[in-house]
PDB file of N, CA and C in Angstrom:
ATOM      1  N   MET A   1       0.857  -1.162   0.018  1.00  0.00           N
ATOM      2  CA  MET A   1       0.013   0.002  -0.004  1.00  0.00           C
ATOM      3  C   MET A   1       0.893   1.246   0.000  1.00  0.00           C
ATOM      4  N   VAL A   2       0.606   2.161  -0.917  1.00  0.00           N
ATOM      5  CA  VAL A   2       1.355   3.379  -1.004  1.00  0.00           C
ATOM      6  C   VAL A   2       0.753   4.401  -0.021  1.00  0.00           C
ATOM      7  N   LYS A   3       1.643   5.057   0.694  1.00  0.00           N
ATOM      8  CA  LYS A   3       1.200   6.069   1.660  1.00  0.00           C
ATOM      9  C   LYS A   3       1.534   7.452   1.141  1.00  0.00           C
ATOM     10  N   TYR A   4       0.562   8.318   1.125  1.00  0.00           N
ATOM     11  CA  TYR A   4       0.735   9.656   0.576  1.00  0.00           C
ATOM     12  C   TYR A   4       0.960  10.656   1.711  1.00  0.00           C
ATOM     13  N   ASP A   5       1.896  11.559   1.547  1.00  0.00           N
ATOM     14  CA  ASP A   5       2.209  12.509   2.660  1.00  0.00           C
ATOM     15  C   ASP A   5       1.141  13.621   2.714  1.00  0.00           C
ATOM     16  N   MET A   6       1.248  14.418   3.732  1.00  0.00           N
ATOM     17  CA  MET A   6       0.268  15.462   3.986  1.00  0.00           C
ATOM     18  C   MET A   6       0.216  16.519   2.853  1.00  0.00           C
ATOM     19  N   ALA A   7       1.348  16.767   2.245  1.00  0.00           N
ATOM     20  CA  ALA A   7       1.349  17.741   1.145  1.00  0.00           C
ATOM     21  C   ALA A   7       0.560  17.222  -0.076  1.00  0.00           C
ATOM     22  N   MET A   8       0.720  15.941  -0.366  1.00  0.00           N
ATOM     23  CA  MET A   8       0.008  15.333  -1.470  1.00  0.00           C
ATOM     24  C   MET A   8      -1.537  15.301  -1.205  1.00  0.00           C
ATOM     25  N   ARG A   9      -1.890  14.970   0.068  1.00  0.00           N
ATOM     26  CA  ARG A   9      -3.290  14.966   0.388  1.00  0.00           C
ATOM     27  C   ARG A   9      -3.887  16.392   0.336  1.00  0.00           C
ATOM     28  N   THR A  10      -3.124  17.354   0.738  1.00  0.00           N
ATOM     29  CA  THR A  10      -3.568  18.772   0.669  1.00  0.00           C
ATOM     30  C   THR A  10      -3.747  19.187  -0.802  1.00  0.00           C
ATOM     31  N   LEU A  11      -2.848  18.752  -1.673  1.00  0.00           N
ATOM     32  CA  LEU A  11      -2.975  19.040  -3.100  1.00  0.00           C
ATOM     33  C   LEU A  11      -4.244  18.438  -3.660  1.00  0.00           C
ATOM     34  N   VAL A  12      -4.561  17.206  -3.303  1.00  0.00           N
ATOM     35  CA  VAL A  12      -5.767  16.584  -3.789  1.00  0.00           C
ATOM     36  C   VAL A  12      -7.024  17.347  -3.339  1.00  0.00           C
ATOM     37  N   ILE A  13      -7.070  17.704  -2.076  1.00  0.00           N
ATOM     38  CA  ILE A  13      -8.179  18.478  -1.542  1.00  0.00           C
ATOM     39  C   ILE A  13      -8.330  19.802  -2.297  1.00  0.00           C
ATOM     40  N   THR A  14      -7.239  20.486  -2.560  1.00  0.00           N
ATOM     41  CA  THR A  14      -7.254  21.742  -3.240  1.00  0.00           C
ATOM     42  C   THR A  14      -7.808  21.590  -4.654  1.00  0.00           C
ATOM     43  N   MET A  15      -7.286  20.566  -5.388  1.00  0.00           N
ATOM     44  CA  MET A  15      -7.746  20.340  -6.747  1.00  0.00           C
ATOM     45  C   MET A  15      -9.224  20.028  -6.850  1.00  0.00           C
ATOM     46  N   ILE A  16      -9.694  19.186  -5.910  1.00  0.00           N
ATOM     47  CA  ILE A  16     -11.178  18.898  -5.881  1.00  0.00           C
ATOM     48  C   ILE A  16     -11.961  20.170  -5.577  1.00  0.00           C
ATOM     49  N   TRP A  17     -11.488  20.926  -4.601  1.00  0.00           N
ATOM     50  CA  TRP A  17     -12.136  22.176  -4.221  1.00  0.00           C
ATOM     51  C   TRP A  17     -12.190  23.138  -5.395  1.00  0.00           C
ATOM     52  N   MET A  18     -11.176  23.115  -6.264  1.00  0.00           N
ATOM     53  CA  MET A  18     -11.158  23.991  -7.377  1.00  0.00           C
ATOM     54  C   MET A  18     -11.994  23.523  -8.557  1.00  0.00           C
ATOM     55  N   GLY A  19     -12.601  22.276  -8.420  1.00  0.00           N
ATOM     56  CA  GLY A  19     -13.535  21.826  -9.408  1.00  0.00           C
ATOM     57  C   GLY A  19     -13.019  20.685 -10.337  1.00  0.00           C
ATOM     58  N   MET A  20     -11.767  20.215 -10.104  1.00  0.00           N
ATOM     59  CA  MET A  20     -11.266  19.106 -10.951  1.00  0.00           C
ATOM     60  C   MET A  20     -11.959  17.819 -10.544  1.00  0.00           C
ATOM     61  N   ASP A  21     -12.161  16.969 -11.536  1.00  0.00           N
ATOM     62  CA  ASP A  21     -12.780  15.698 -11.223  1.00  0.00           C
ATOM     63  C   ASP A  21     -11.686  14.670 -10.861  1.00  0.00           C
ATOM     64  N   SER A  22     -12.075  13.590 -10.197  1.00  0.00           N
ATOM     65  CA  SER A  22     -11.145  12.619  -9.677  1.00  0.00           C
ATOM     66  C   SER A  22     -10.319  11.947 -10.762  1.00  0.00           C
ATOM     67  N   LEU A  23     -10.926  11.739 -11.962  1.00  0.00           N
ATOM     68  CA  LEU A  23     -10.156  11.090 -13.037  1.00  0.00           C
ATOM     69  C   LEU A  23      -8.999  11.973 -13.513  1.00  0.00           C
ATOM     70  N   HIS A  24      -9.258  13.307 -13.596  1.00  0.00           N
ATOM     71  CA  HIS A  24      -8.225  14.225 -14.011  1.00  0.00           C
ATOM     72  C   HIS A  24      -7.094  14.284 -12.955  1.00  0.00           C
ATOM     73  N   ILE A  25      -7.509  14.326 -11.692  1.00  0.00           N
ATOM     74  CA  ILE A  25      -6.523  14.360 -10.596  1.00  0.00           C
ATOM     75  C   ILE A  25      -5.702  13.066 -10.622  1.00  0.00           C
ATOM     76  N   SER A  26      -6.347  11.964 -10.870  1.00  0.00           N
ATOM     77  CA  SER A  26      -5.655  10.704 -10.935  1.00  0.00           C
ATOM     78  C   SER A  26      -4.624  10.669 -12.029  1.00  0.00           C
ATOM     79  N   ALA A  27      -4.981  11.234 -13.173  1.00  0.00           N
ATOM     80  CA  ALA A  27      -4.036  11.283 -14.323  1.00  0.00           C
ATOM     81  C   ALA A  27      -2.820  12.167 -13.975  1.00  0.00           C
ATOM     82  N   LEU A  28      -3.026  13.285 -13.202  1.00  0.00           N
ATOM     83  CA  LEU A  28      -1.953  14.171 -12.845  1.00  0.00           C
ATOM     84  C   LEU A  28      -1.068  13.624 -11.760  1.00  0.00           C
ATOM     85  N   THR A  29      -1.649  12.906 -10.779  1.00  0.00           N
ATOM     86  CA  THR A  29      -0.901  12.496  -9.603  1.00  0.00           C
ATOM     87  C   THR A  29      -0.527  11.024  -9.561  1.00  0.00           C
ATOM     88  N   GLU A  30      -1.130  10.251 -10.544  1.00  0.00           N
ATOM     89  CA  GLU A  30      -0.968   8.803 -10.594  1.00  0.00           C
ATOM     90  C   GLU A  30      -1.446   8.122  -9.285  1.00  0.00           C
ATOM     91  N   MET A  31      -2.451   8.736  -8.679  1.00  0.00           N
ATOM     92  CA  MET A  31      -3.081   8.229  -7.471  1.00  0.00           C
ATOM     93  C   MET A  31      -4.409   7.583  -7.872  1.00  0.00           C
ATOM     94  N   PRO A  32      -4.771   6.419  -7.297  1.00  0.00           N
ATOM     95  CA  PRO A  32      -6.055   5.844  -7.665  1.00  0.00           C
ATOM     96  C   PRO A  32      -7.234   6.727  -7.303  1.00  0.00           C
ATOM     97  N   VAL A  33      -8.248   6.701  -8.148  1.00  0.00           N
ATOM     98  CA  VAL A  33      -9.462   7.477  -7.945  1.00  0.00           C
ATOM     99  C   VAL A  33     -10.094   7.176  -6.586  1.00  0.00           C
ATOM    100  N   ARG A  34     -10.058   5.918  -6.199  1.00  0.00           N
ATOM    101  CA  ARG A  34     -10.653   5.562  -4.936  1.00  0.00           C
ATOM    102  C   ARG A  34      -9.936   6.252  -3.747  1.00  0.00           C
ATOM    103  N   THR A  35      -8.612   6.362  -3.856  1.00  0.00           N
ATOM    104  CA  THR A  35      -7.830   7.038  -2.826  1.00  0.00           C
ATOM    105  C   THR A  35      -8.134   8.518  -2.803  1.00  0.00           C
ATOM    106  N   ILE A  36      -8.282   9.118  -3.972  1.00  0.00           N
ATOM    107  CA  ILE A  36      -8.597  10.554  -4.070  1.00  0.00           C
ATOM    108  C   ILE A  36      -9.927  10.808  -3.411  1.00  0.00           C
ATOM    109  N   ASN A  37     -10.900   9.985  -3.727  1.00  0.00           N
ATOM    110  CA  ASN A  37     -12.272  10.199  -3.097  1.00  0.00           C
ATOM    111  C   ASN A  37     -12.213   9.939  -1.607  1.00  0.00           C
ATOM    112  N   SER A  38     -11.366   9.014  -1.154  1.00  0.00           N
ATOM    113  CA  SER A  38     -11.224   8.739   0.277  1.00  0.00           C
ATOM    114  C   SER A  38     -10.571   9.937   1.008  1.00  0.00           C
ATOM    115  N   ILE A  39      -9.589  10.533   0.385  1.00  0.00           N
ATOM    116  CA  ILE A  39      -8.899  11.695   1.006  1.00  0.00           C
ATOM    117  C   ILE A  39      -9.940  12.841   1.156  1.00  0.00           C
ATOM    118  N   TRP A  40     -10.759  13.053   0.115  1.00  0.00           N
ATOM    119  CA  TRP A  40     -11.737  14.150   0.158  1.00  0.00           C
ATOM    120  C   TRP A  40     -12.795  13.843   1.276  1.00  0.00           C
ATOM    121  N   ALA A  41     -13.307  12.616   1.302  1.00  0.00           N
ATOM    122  CA  ALA A  41     -14.343  12.237   2.290  1.00  0.00           C
ATOM    123  C   ALA A  41     -13.790  12.365   3.698  1.00  0.00           C
ATOM    124  N   ARG A  42     -12.523  11.972   3.916  1.00  0.00           N
ATOM    125  CA  ARG A  42     -11.925  12.048   5.246  1.00  0.00           C
ATOM    126  C   ARG A  42     -11.741  13.528   5.660  1.00  0.00           C
ATOM    127  N   ALA A  43     -11.352  14.363   4.719  1.00  0.00           N
ATOM    128  CA  ALA A  43     -11.223  15.802   5.063  1.00  0.00           C
ATOM    129  C   ALA A  43     -12.544  16.395   5.464  1.00  0.00           C
ATOM    130  N   ILE A  44     -13.617  16.101   4.711  1.00  0.00           N
ATOM    131  CA  ILE A  44     -14.958  16.586   5.046  1.00  0.00           C
ATOM    132  C   ILE A  44     -15.354  16.074   6.439  1.00  0.00           C
ATOM    133  N   GLU A  45     -15.110  14.779   6.665  1.00  0.00           N
ATOM    134  CA  GLU A  45     -15.447  14.156   7.961  1.00  0.00           C
ATOM    135  C   GLU A  45     -14.719  14.839   9.106  1.00  0.00           C
ATOM    136  N   ARG A  46     -13.520  15.309   8.827  1.00  0.00           N
ATOM    137  CA  ARG A  46     -12.682  15.911   9.874  1.00  0.00           C
ATOM    138  C   ARG A  46     -12.885  17.409  10.018  1.00  0.00           C
ATOM    139  N   GLY A  47     -13.887  17.959   9.296  1.00  0.00           N
ATOM    140  CA  GLY A  47     -14.203  19.343   9.485  1.00  0.00           C
ATOM    141  C   GLY A  47     -13.901  20.329   8.350  1.00  0.00           C
ATOM    142  N   PHE A  48     -13.386  19.800   7.251  1.00  0.00           N
ATOM    143  CA  PHE A  48     -13.098  20.701   6.118  1.00  0.00           C
ATOM    144  C   PHE A  48     -14.451  21.182   5.529  1.00  0.00           C
ATOM    145  N   ASP A  49     -14.615  22.482   5.348  1.00  0.00           N
ATOM    146  CA  ASP A  49     -15.863  23.051   4.819  1.00  0.00           C
ATOM    147  C   ASP A  49     -15.539  23.714   3.493  1.00  0.00           C
ATOM    148  N   PRO A  50     -15.870  23.088   2.362  1.00  0.00           N
ATOM    149  CA  PRO A  50     -15.549  23.635   1.052  1.00  0.00           C
ATOM    150  C   PRO A  50     -16.257  24.965   0.755  1.00  0.00           C
ATOM    151  N   SER A  51     -17.314  25.277   1.481  1.00  0.00           N
ATOM    152  CA  SER A  51     -18.060  26.546   1.223  1.00  0.00           C
ATOM    153  C   SER A  51     -17.502  27.696   2.030  1.00  0.00           C
ATOM    154  N   ARG A  52     -16.594  27.443   2.935  1.00  0.00           N
ATOM    155  CA  ARG A  52     -16.024  28.471   3.796  1.00  0.00           C
ATOM    156  C   ARG A  52     -15.122  29.408   3.000  1.00  0.00           C
ATOM    157  N   ARG A  53     -15.236  30.705   3.271  1.00  0.00           N
ATOM    158  CA  ARG A  53     -14.316  31.688   2.637  1.00  0.00           C
ATOM    159  C   ARG A  53     -13.662  32.466   3.747  1.00  0.00           C
ATOM    160  N   PRO A  54     -12.352  32.672   3.778  1.00  0.00           N
ATOM    161  CA  PRO A  54     -11.411  32.052   2.831  1.00  0.00           C
ATOM    162  C   PRO A  54     -11.310  30.547   3.088  1.00  0.00           C
ATOM    163  N   VAL A  55     -10.920  29.819   2.085  1.00  0.00           N
ATOM    164  CA  VAL A  55     -10.789  28.401   2.224  1.00  0.00           C
ATOM    165  C   VAL A  55      -9.661  28.098   3.193  1.00  0.00           C
ATOM    166  N   MET A  56      -9.911  27.106   4.072  1.00  0.00           N
ATOM    167  CA  MET A  56      -8.844  26.754   5.041  1.00  0.00           C
ATOM    168  C   MET A  56      -8.724  25.253   5.092  1.00  0.00           C
ATOM    169  N   ILE A  57      -7.520  24.715   4.770  1.00  0.00           N
ATOM    170  CA  ILE A  57      -7.236  23.330   4.901  1.00  0.00           C
ATOM    171  C   ILE A  57      -6.235  23.248   6.066  1.00  0.00           C
ATOM    172  N   CYS A  58      -6.694  22.681   7.184  1.00  0.00           N
ATOM    173  CA  CYS A  58      -5.906  22.575   8.369  1.00  0.00           C
ATOM    174  C   CYS A  58      -5.191  21.243   8.435  1.00  0.00           C
ATOM    175  N   GLU A  59      -4.169  21.182   9.204  1.00  0.00           N
ATOM    176  CA  GLU A  59      -3.435  19.947   9.440  1.00  0.00           C
ATOM    177  C   GLU A  59      -4.351  18.797   9.867  1.00  0.00           C
ATOM    178  N   ALA A  60      -5.336  19.118  10.666  1.00  0.00           N
ATOM    179  CA  ALA A  60      -6.301  18.098  11.155  1.00  0.00           C
ATOM    180  C   ALA A  60      -7.051  17.444  10.028  1.00  0.00           C
ATOM    181  N   HIS A  61      -7.188  18.124   8.922  1.00  0.00           N
ATOM    182  CA  HIS A  61      -7.928  17.573   7.778  1.00  0.00           C
ATOM    183  C   HIS A  61      -7.109  16.539   7.018  1.00  0.00           C
ATOM    184  N   VAL A  62      -5.788  16.602   7.108  1.00  0.00           N
ATOM    185  CA  VAL A  62      -4.943  15.710   6.250  1.00  0.00           C
ATOM    186  C   VAL A  62      -3.958  14.864   7.076  1.00  0.00           C
ATOM    187  N   ILE A  63      -3.898  14.987   8.377  1.00  0.00           N
ATOM    188  CA  ILE A  63      -2.954  14.276   9.225  1.00  0.00           C
ATOM    189  C   ILE A  63      -3.232  12.774   9.137  1.00  0.00           C
ATOM    190  N   ASP A  64      -2.178  11.984   9.334  1.00  0.00           N
ATOM    191  CA  ASP A  64      -2.335  10.499   9.400  1.00  0.00           C
ATOM    192  C   ASP A  64      -3.231  10.112  10.554  1.00  0.00           C
ATOM    193  N   ALA A  65      -4.090   9.159  10.318  1.00  0.00           N
ATOM    194  CA  ALA A  65      -4.934   8.641  11.401  1.00  0.00           C
ATOM    195  C   ALA A  65      -4.143   7.773  12.348  1.00  0.00           C
ATOM    196  N   PRO A  66      -4.461   7.727  13.633  1.00  0.00           N
ATOM    197  CA  PRO A  66      -3.720   6.887  14.532  1.00  0.00           C
ATOM    198  C   PRO A  66      -3.886   5.425  14.156  1.00  0.00           C
ATOM    199  N   ARG A  67      -2.801   4.664  14.321  1.00  0.00           N
ATOM    200  CA  ARG A  67      -2.830   3.291  13.960  1.00  0.00           C
ATOM    201  C   ARG A  67      -3.266   2.441  15.131  1.00  0.00           C
ATOM    202  N   SER A  68      -4.044   1.430  14.825  1.00  0.00           N
ATOM    203  CA  SER A  68      -4.474   0.519  15.903  1.00  0.00           C
ATOM    204  C   SER A  68      -3.340  -0.499  16.133  1.00  0.00           C
ATOM    205  N   GLY A  69      -3.468  -1.190  17.254  1.00  0.00           N
ATOM    206  CA  GLY A  69      -2.420  -2.198  17.536  1.00  0.00           C
ATOM    207  C   GLY A  69      -1.583  -1.844  18.739  1.00  0.00           C
ATOM    208  N   ARG A  70      -0.756  -2.756  19.118  1.00  0.00           N
ATOM    209  CA  ARG A  70       0.093  -2.592  20.274  1.00  0.00           C
ATOM    210  C   ARG A  70       1.161  -1.580  20.002  1.00  0.00           C
ATOM    211  N   PRO A  71       1.410  -0.629  20.934  1.00  0.00           N
ATOM    212  CA  PRO A  71       2.484   0.306  20.744  1.00  0.00           C
ATOM    213  C   PRO A  71       3.844  -0.379  20.753  1.00  0.00           C
ATOM    214  N   LYS A  72       4.830   0.230  20.117  1.00  0.00           N
ATOM    215  CA  LYS A  72       6.167  -0.345  20.104  1.00  0.00           C
ATOM    216  C   LYS A  72       6.790  -0.250  21.516  1.00  0.00           C
ATOM    217  N   LYS A  73       7.591  -1.249  21.852  1.00  0.00           N
ATOM    218  CA  LYS A  73       8.287  -1.235  23.151  1.00  0.00           C
ATOM    219  C   LYS A  73       9.349  -0.196  23.145  1.00  0.00           C
ATOM    220  N   GLU A  74       9.586   0.440  24.241  1.00  0.00           N
ATOM    221  CA  GLU A  74      10.664   1.368  24.412  1.00  0.00           C
ATOM    222  C   GLU A  74      11.913   0.556  24.732  1.00  0.00           C
ATOM    223  N   ARG A  75      12.979   0.836  24.009  1.00  0.00           N
ATOM    224  CA  ARG A  75      14.267   0.153  24.262  1.00  0.00           C
ATOM    225  C   ARG A  75      15.096   1.000  25.156  1.00  0.00           C
ATOM    226  N   SER A  76      15.944   0.378  25.925  1.00  0.00           N
ATOM    227  CA  SER A  76      16.739   1.094  26.902  1.00  0.00           C
ATOM    228  C   SER A  76      17.685   2.113  26.224  1.00  0.00           C
ATOM    229  N   GLU A  77      18.151   1.808  24.947  1.00  0.00           N
ATOM    230  CA  GLU A  77      19.030   2.715  24.237  1.00  0.00           C
ATOM    231  C   GLU A  77      18.259   4.009  23.884  1.00  0.00           C
ATOM    232  N   ASP A  78      16.945   3.906  23.668  1.00  0.00           N
ATOM    233  CA  ASP A  78      16.163   5.080  23.309  1.00  0.00           C
ATOM    234  C   ASP A  78      15.974   6.011  24.508  1.00  0.00           C
ATOM    235  N   LEU A  79      16.055   5.509  25.690  1.00  0.00           N
ATOM    236  CA  LEU A  79      15.846   6.325  26.883  1.00  0.00           C
ATOM    237  C   LEU A  79      17.096   7.047  27.293  1.00  0.00           C
ATOM    238  N   ALA A  80      18.282   6.599  26.882  1.00  0.00           N
ATOM    239  CA  ALA A  80      19.494   7.227  27.349  1.00  0.00           C
ATOM    240  C   ALA A  80      19.884   8.431  26.496  1.00  0.00           C
TER     241      ALA A  80
END
């Protein structure tokens, strides 16, 4: 699975906000359409309001989601 950084996710949100369709964005970024739509839906879910002026894309709209699972153990070398 390819992981896209916050800058790339912000670019996708900006392009959709400007009116580009997912197929065109996919051709420009080589990102799957499903991923593009998922990034947009997640931004909306996290509070992005496309009708707000001025437009504001906050870090909270594009930040990585916390991962489930057991946290990594702290090693003694990391503590020193």
